Amino acid sequence: MKTITLEQAKNTRFRNLSVALGTFDGLHIGHMKLIESLLSCGGESAVFTFGNLPSDLFVADRKPMMLFTPEEKSAAFAKTGVGYLCVTAFDRGFARLGKAEFESLLVECFSPENIIAGYNYTYGRHARGNADTLEEFGERRGINVRIIPPVISDGEPVSSTRIRECLEAGSVEKANMLLGYEYALTGTVEKGEGLGRMLGFPTANLRVPAEKVIPLRGVYEVESKVDGKSYKGLCNIGTRPTVSAGIREAIEVHLLSLSGDLYGRKVTVLFKKRLRDEMKFSGAGQLVEQIKKDIEKIKP
């Protein structure tokens, strides 16, 4: 897969190109229906997407967090078989494009034979373009437009917003089902206070990208990947109320079968199941006993 800009797309001679449109945050099971349709067209394939969430421009007080960093999105698309990933920033200039201007941009940059979009896709200033107008545009220009219906789970459409809500509620198993894979946080291990080691359960303290969705505070069963190897473990997200007076939220991972210094190394944590809330115990001894119980729950 080749990652390109709009300017590079404009200067590329595509052959029988099909292009899929969308934000694709998380590349969930609904998105994959679009990608399957894209690849079934034959010829060359491209995805036209954004490096940020369009809602970033319009939500001043609390910007939505992302399921994917730009790097994670690129890596995920590289596994799908798509030929080109065209990424642009959804900034104020792009947001000012009118419906017709956006349609002209598609022709100028991609000259597509097929366009694939979701049932709820919108485009152009004030979202005046939608699936219906995209089909009308296709008819005028002789472009085949495929509109993909929603994937329904538990009576509701699968969406990135719904998955974010699941994660923020601690429902990682539900989120994983909607994603089609296990939600992950990748971060660099930074030096902590050594509290876990003093308790007999050394932890890796992760610094993760600020834009990523963090699951609800609590203790989770996880699988951690370090240097290509996988380790079962526990992840605590919270403020460690029993042993620390701090208010800064921390992401700590205890790996069952790995010891040693991980400082500065990259660790990917796959969330499998939420075991319990983060709790304040009467003392360190009671906390240690609970951690032992948590470990027993996840042992094979």
Protein backbone atom coordinates (compact mmCIF):
# COMPACT_ATOMS: atom_id res chain seq x y z
CA MET A 1 0.00 0.00 0.00
CA LYS A 2 1.18 3.51 -0.83
CA THR A 3 0.21 6.50 1.31
CA ILE A 4 -0.28 9.67 -0.75
CA THR A 5 -1.49 13.25 -0.44
CA LEU A 6 -4.22 14.83 -2.56
CA GLU A 7 -1.54 16.58 -4.65
CA GLN A 8 0.19 13.26 -5.25
CA ALA A 9 -3.13 11.67 -6.17
CA LYS A 10 -3.71 14.41 -8.72
CA ASN A 11 -0.38 13.56 -10.35
CA THR A 12 -0.88 9.78 -10.31
CA ARG A 13 -2.17 7.92 -13.36
CA PHE A 14 -4.62 5.46 -11.89
CA ARG A 15 -6.03 2.55 -13.87
CA ASN A 16 -9.67 1.58 -13.37
CA LEU A 17 -9.62 3.21 -9.96
CA SER A 18 -12.24 2.64 -7.26
CA VAL A 19 -12.18 4.92 -4.23
CA ALA A 20 -13.80 4.52 -0.80
CA LEU A 21 -14.75 7.61 1.19
CA GLY A 22 -14.95 7.94 4.97
CA THR A 23 -13.22 8.86 8.22
CA PHE A 24 -12.67 5.19 9.10
CA ASP A 25 -11.71 5.75 12.74
CA GLY A 26 -11.08 2.27 14.15
CA LEU A 27 -11.75 0.45 10.85
CA HIS A 28 -14.58 -1.52 12.48
CA ILE A 29 -16.76 -4.29 11.04
CA GLY A 30 -19.03 -1.75 9.33
CA HIS A 31 -16.07 -0.08 7.65
CA MET A 32 -14.81 -3.45 6.47
CA LYS A 33 -17.99 -3.91 4.43
CA LEU A 34 -16.99 -0.81 2.46
CA ILE A 35 -13.47 -2.14 1.98
CA GLU A 36 -14.80 -5.52 0.81
CA SER A 37 -16.99 -3.72 -1.73
CA LEU A 38 -14.04 -1.55 -2.80
CA LEU A 39 -11.79 -4.52 -3.44
CA SER A 40 -14.52 -6.43 -5.28
CA CYS A 41 -14.57 -3.74 -7.99
CA GLY A 42 -11.30 -4.93 -9.47
CA GLY A 43 -8.69 -2.57 -10.87
CA GLU A 44 -6.79 -0.21 -8.58
CA SER A 45 -8.20 0.76 -5.19
CA ALA A 46 -7.83 3.81 -2.96
CA VAL A 47 -9.23 5.09 0.31
CA PHE A 48 -9.70 8.84 0.74
CA THR A 49 -9.79 9.73 4.43
CA PHE A 50 -8.75 12.28 7.04
CA GLY A 51 -5.86 12.32 9.48
CA ASN A 52 -8.08 13.83 12.16
CA LEU A 53 -11.75 13.71 13.12
CA PRO A 54 -13.88 16.33 11.31
CA SER A 55 -15.68 16.97 14.60
CA ASP A 56 -12.40 18.41 15.97
CA LEU A 57 -13.30 21.70 14.27
CA PHE A 58 -16.79 21.96 15.69
CA VAL A 59 -16.51 20.74 19.30
CA ALA A 60 -14.72 23.38 21.31
CA ASP A 61 -15.09 22.11 24.88
CA ARG A 62 -14.42 18.36 24.57
CA LYS A 63 -12.97 16.99 21.36
CA PRO A 64 -13.80 13.34 20.71
CA MET A 65 -10.86 11.02 21.28
CA MET A 66 -9.73 8.70 18.50
CA LEU A 67 -9.74 4.92 18.20
CA PHE A 68 -6.75 5.13 15.83
CA THR A 69 -3.68 7.29 15.71
CA PRO A 70 -2.67 8.17 12.12
CA GLU A 71 0.05 5.52 12.31
CA GLU A 72 -2.41 2.87 13.51
CA LYS A 73 -4.85 3.75 10.73
CA SER A 74 -2.16 3.40 8.10
CA ALA A 75 -1.00 0.05 9.52
CA ALA A 76 -4.57 -1.27 9.61
CA PHE A 77 -5.28 -0.30 6.00
CA ALA A 78 -1.99 -1.83 4.88
CA LYS A 79 -3.35 -5.22 5.97
CA THR A 80 -6.55 -4.93 3.91
CA GLY A 81 -5.05 -5.10 0.42
CA VAL A 82 -5.98 -1.53 -0.51
CA GLY A 83 -3.55 -0.05 -3.04
CA TYR A 84 -3.52 3.62 -1.99
CA LEU A 85 -4.31 5.49 1.19
CA CYS A 86 -4.89 9.19 0.53
CA VAL A 87 -4.89 11.17 3.77
CA THR A 88 -5.64 14.86 4.18
CA ALA A 89 -6.29 17.13 7.14
CA PHE A 90 -9.87 18.18 7.79
CA ASP A 91 -9.05 21.81 8.50
CA ARG A 92 -11.04 25.03 8.11
CA GLY A 93 -10.05 25.33 4.48
CA PHE A 94 -11.31 21.85 3.67
CA ALA A 95 -14.45 22.41 5.73
CA ARG A 96 -15.29 25.44 3.53
CA LEU A 97 -15.46 23.33 0.37
CA GLY A 98 -18.97 23.30 -1.02
CA LYS A 99 -20.74 20.16 -2.15
CA ALA A 100 -19.96 20.72 -5.83
CA GLU A 101 -16.35 21.68 -5.04
CA PHE A 102 -15.84 18.41 -3.18
CA GLU A 103 -17.31 16.46 -6.08
CA SER A 104 -14.98 18.26 -8.48
CA LEU A 105 -12.04 17.45 -6.20
CA LEU A 106 -12.88 13.73 -6.43
CA VAL A 107 -12.78 13.87 -10.22
CA GLU A 108 -9.66 16.03 -10.38
CA CYS A 109 -7.64 13.92 -7.95
CA PHE A 110 -8.91 10.40 -8.59
CA SER A 111 -10.91 10.19 -11.85
CA PRO A 112 -12.67 7.19 -10.29
CA GLU A 113 -14.71 4.59 -12.10
CA ASN A 114 -16.35 3.57 -8.81
CA ILE A 115 -17.04 5.42 -5.57
CA ILE A 116 -17.95 3.54 -2.39
CA ALA A 117 -19.39 5.29 0.67
CA GLY A 118 -21.45 4.46 3.72
CA TYR A 119 -25.17 5.13 4.06
CA ASN A 120 -24.53 8.07 6.42
CA TYR A 121 -21.64 9.69 4.55
CA THR A 122 -21.81 13.48 4.30
CA TYR A 123 -19.57 15.98 2.55
CA GLY A 124 -19.34 19.64 1.60
CA ARG A 125 -19.89 22.76 3.68
CA HIS A 126 -22.65 22.30 6.29
CA ALA A 127 -22.80 18.61 5.24
CA ARG A 128 -25.04 19.50 2.29
CA GLY A 129 -23.79 16.45 0.40
CA ASN A 130 -24.96 12.97 1.38
CA ALA A 131 -25.42 9.48 -0.04
CA ASP A 132 -28.31 10.63 -2.26
CA THR A 133 -26.44 13.58 -3.75
CA LEU A 134 -23.36 11.41 -4.24
CA GLU A 135 -25.42 8.97 -6.31
CA GLU A 136 -26.85 11.89 -8.33
CA PHE A 137 -23.32 13.16 -8.92
CA GLY A 138 -22.27 9.70 -10.10
CA GLU A 139 -25.15 9.54 -12.58
CA ARG A 140 -24.18 12.93 -14.03
CA ARG A 141 -20.51 12.01 -14.40
CA GLY A 142 -20.87 8.37 -15.43
CA ILE A 143 -19.33 7.11 -12.18
CA ASN A 144 -20.73 4.01 -10.50
CA VAL A 145 -21.58 4.87 -6.87
CA ARG A 146 -22.11 2.13 -4.30
CA ILE A 147 -23.78 3.09 -1.03
CA ILE A 148 -23.16 0.50 1.68
CA PRO A 149 -25.96 -0.06 4.25
CA PRO A 150 -25.21 -0.17 7.98
CA VAL A 151 -24.04 -3.28 9.78
CA ILE A 152 -26.52 -3.83 12.62
CA SER A 153 -25.56 -5.24 16.03
CA ASP A 154 -28.10 -5.52 18.86
CA GLY A 155 -30.56 -3.47 16.82
CA GLU A 156 -28.21 -0.51 16.30
CA PRO A 157 -25.78 0.45 13.52
CA VAL A 158 -22.12 -0.19 14.22
CA SER A 159 -20.30 3.14 14.41
CA SER A 160 -17.06 4.62 15.73
CA THR A 161 -19.07 6.79 18.12
CA ARG A 162 -20.79 3.75 19.57
CA ILE A 163 -17.45 1.98 20.04
CA ARG A 164 -15.96 5.01 21.81
CA GLU A 165 -18.94 5.01 24.15
CA CYS A 166 -18.45 1.30 24.89
CA LEU A 167 -14.80 1.84 25.78
CA GLU A 168 -15.54 4.86 27.95
CA ALA A 169 -18.11 2.74 29.80
CA GLY A 170 -15.61 -0.09 30.28
CA SER A 171 -17.45 -2.45 27.92
CA VAL A 172 -14.31 -3.59 26.12
CA GLU A 173 -15.75 -6.97 25.13
CA LYS A 174 -18.63 -5.24 23.35
CA ALA A 175 -16.26 -2.74 21.76
CA ASN A 176 -14.05 -5.58 20.53
CA MET A 177 -17.04 -7.32 18.96
CA LEU A 178 -17.98 -4.16 17.05
CA LEU A 179 -14.39 -3.53 16.02
CA GLY A 180 -13.76 -7.10 14.92
CA TYR A 181 -10.49 -7.17 16.88
CA GLU A 182 -9.20 -6.27 20.34
CA TYR A 183 -8.85 -2.58 21.13
CA ALA A 184 -5.24 -1.61 21.76
CA LEU A 185 -3.17 1.10 23.37
CA THR A 186 0.46 1.42 22.32
CA GLY A 187 2.78 3.48 24.43
CA THR A 188 6.29 4.00 25.68
CA VAL A 189 7.20 2.71 29.14
CA GLU A 190 8.19 5.57 31.39
CA LYS A 191 9.66 5.56 34.88
CA GLY A 192 7.05 5.44 37.62
CA GLU A 193 7.21 5.52 41.39
CA GLY A 194 8.08 1.82 41.72
CA LEU A 195 4.97 1.15 43.81
CA GLY A 196 4.06 -2.04 41.97
CA ARG A 197 7.54 -3.47 42.40
CA MET A 198 7.43 -2.75 46.15
CA LEU A 199 4.16 -4.72 46.34
CA GLY A 200 5.69 -7.66 44.47
CA PHE A 201 3.90 -6.93 41.18
CA PRO A 202 6.16 -4.77 38.99
CA THR A 203 4.30 -2.71 36.42
CA ALA A 204 5.12 -0.91 33.21
CA ASN A 205 3.80 2.64 33.24
CA LEU A 206 2.64 3.57 29.75
CA ARG A 207 2.65 6.99 28.14
CA VAL A 208 0.11 6.79 25.31
CA PRO A 209 -0.86 9.32 22.63
CA ALA A 210 -3.05 12.07 24.05
CA GLU A 211 -5.69 11.69 21.33
CA LYS A 212 -6.44 8.01 22.04
CA VAL A 213 -9.65 6.77 23.70
CA ILE A 214 -8.79 5.42 27.17
CA PRO A 215 -11.13 2.76 28.58
CA LEU A 216 -12.98 3.45 31.83
CA ARG A 217 -10.91 3.35 35.00
CA GLY A 218 -10.57 -0.15 36.37
CA VAL A 219 -8.63 -3.41 36.16
CA TYR A 220 -8.55 -5.31 32.87
CA GLU A 221 -7.37 -8.63 31.55
CA VAL A 222 -4.96 -7.81 28.73
CA GLU A 223 -2.42 -9.26 26.35
CA SER A 224 0.73 -7.21 26.00
CA LYS A 225 3.13 -7.31 23.08
CA VAL A 226 6.79 -6.47 23.58
CA ASP A 227 9.33 -6.93 20.78
CA GLY A 228 6.95 -9.19 18.89
CA LYS A 229 6.24 -11.50 21.84
CA SER A 230 2.90 -11.73 23.69
CA TYR A 231 2.37 -11.87 27.45
CA LYS A 232 -0.79 -12.25 29.49
CA GLY A 233 -1.29 -9.63 32.13
CA LEU A 234 -3.34 -7.09 34.04
CA CYS A 235 -3.81 -3.42 33.25
CA ASN A 236 -4.90 -0.89 35.84
CA ILE A 237 -6.23 2.45 34.65
CA GLY A 238 -6.72 4.99 37.40
CA THR A 239 -5.12 6.97 40.20
CA ARG A 240 -3.98 4.10 42.51
CA PRO A 241 -5.96 5.38 45.52
CA THR A 242 -4.62 2.78 47.99
CA VAL A 243 -0.92 3.54 47.55
CA SER A 244 -0.79 6.98 45.99
CA ALA A 245 -2.35 10.34 46.74
CA GLY A 246 -1.90 11.40 43.15
CA ILE A 247 -4.78 12.54 40.96
CA ARG A 248 -3.03 11.97 37.62
CA GLU A 249 -4.50 9.02 35.81
CA ALA A 250 -1.98 6.28 35.10
CA ILE A 251 -1.98 3.27 32.78
CA GLU A 252 -0.03 0.43 34.42
CA VAL A 253 0.52 -3.04 33.03
CA HIS A 254 1.70 -6.11 34.95
CA LEU A 255 3.02 -8.86 32.68
CA LEU A 256 2.75 -12.34 34.17
CA SER A 257 5.81 -13.95 32.60
CA LEU A 258 8.16 -11.10 31.87
CA SER A 259 10.52 -9.39 34.25
CA GLY A 260 13.26 -6.88 33.72
CA ASP A 261 13.64 -3.26 32.78
CA LEU A 262 11.19 -2.07 30.09
CA TYR A 263 11.92 1.65 30.39
CA GLY A 264 11.83 3.40 27.05
CA ARG A 265 10.49 0.38 25.20
CA LYS A 266 7.27 0.28 23.23
CA VAL A 267 4.44 -1.91 24.54
CA THR A 268 1.09 -2.64 22.89
CA VAL A 269 -1.74 -3.57 25.25
CA LEU A 270 -4.74 -5.48 23.87
CA PHE A 271 -7.83 -5.20 26.08
CA LYS A 272 -9.76 -8.45 26.57
CA LYS A 273 -12.07 -8.07 29.56
CA ARG A 274 -12.83 -5.68 32.41
CA LEU A 275 -12.40 -7.49 35.72
CA ARG A 276 -13.42 -4.86 38.27
CA ASP A 277 -13.51 -1.22 39.28
CA GLU A 278 -10.43 0.44 40.68
CA MET A 279 -10.90 0.32 44.45
CA LYS A 280 -9.36 1.91 47.52
CA PHE A 281 -8.34 -0.74 50.05
CA SER A 282 -7.61 -0.32 53.75
CA GLY A 283 -3.93 -1.02 53.16
CA ALA A 284 -1.27 -2.49 50.92
CA GLY A 285 -1.81 -6.00 52.25
CA GLN A 286 -5.45 -6.06 51.19
CA LEU A 287 -4.48 -4.69 47.78
CA VAL A 288 -1.90 -7.46 47.31
CA GLU A 289 -4.49 -10.12 48.10
CA GLN A 290 -6.88 -8.64 45.53
CA ILE A 291 -4.17 -8.55 42.87
CA LYS A 292 -3.49 -12.24 43.53
CA LYS A 293 -7.19 -12.96 42.98
CA ASP A 294 -7.16 -10.93 39.76
CA ILE A 295 -4.17 -12.94 38.49
CA GLU A 296 -5.91 -16.24 39.28
CA LYS A 297 -8.84 -15.14 37.11
CA ILE A 298 -6.68 -14.68 34.03
CA LYS A 299 -4.31 -17.63 34.38
CA PRO A 300 -4.75 -20.23 31.60
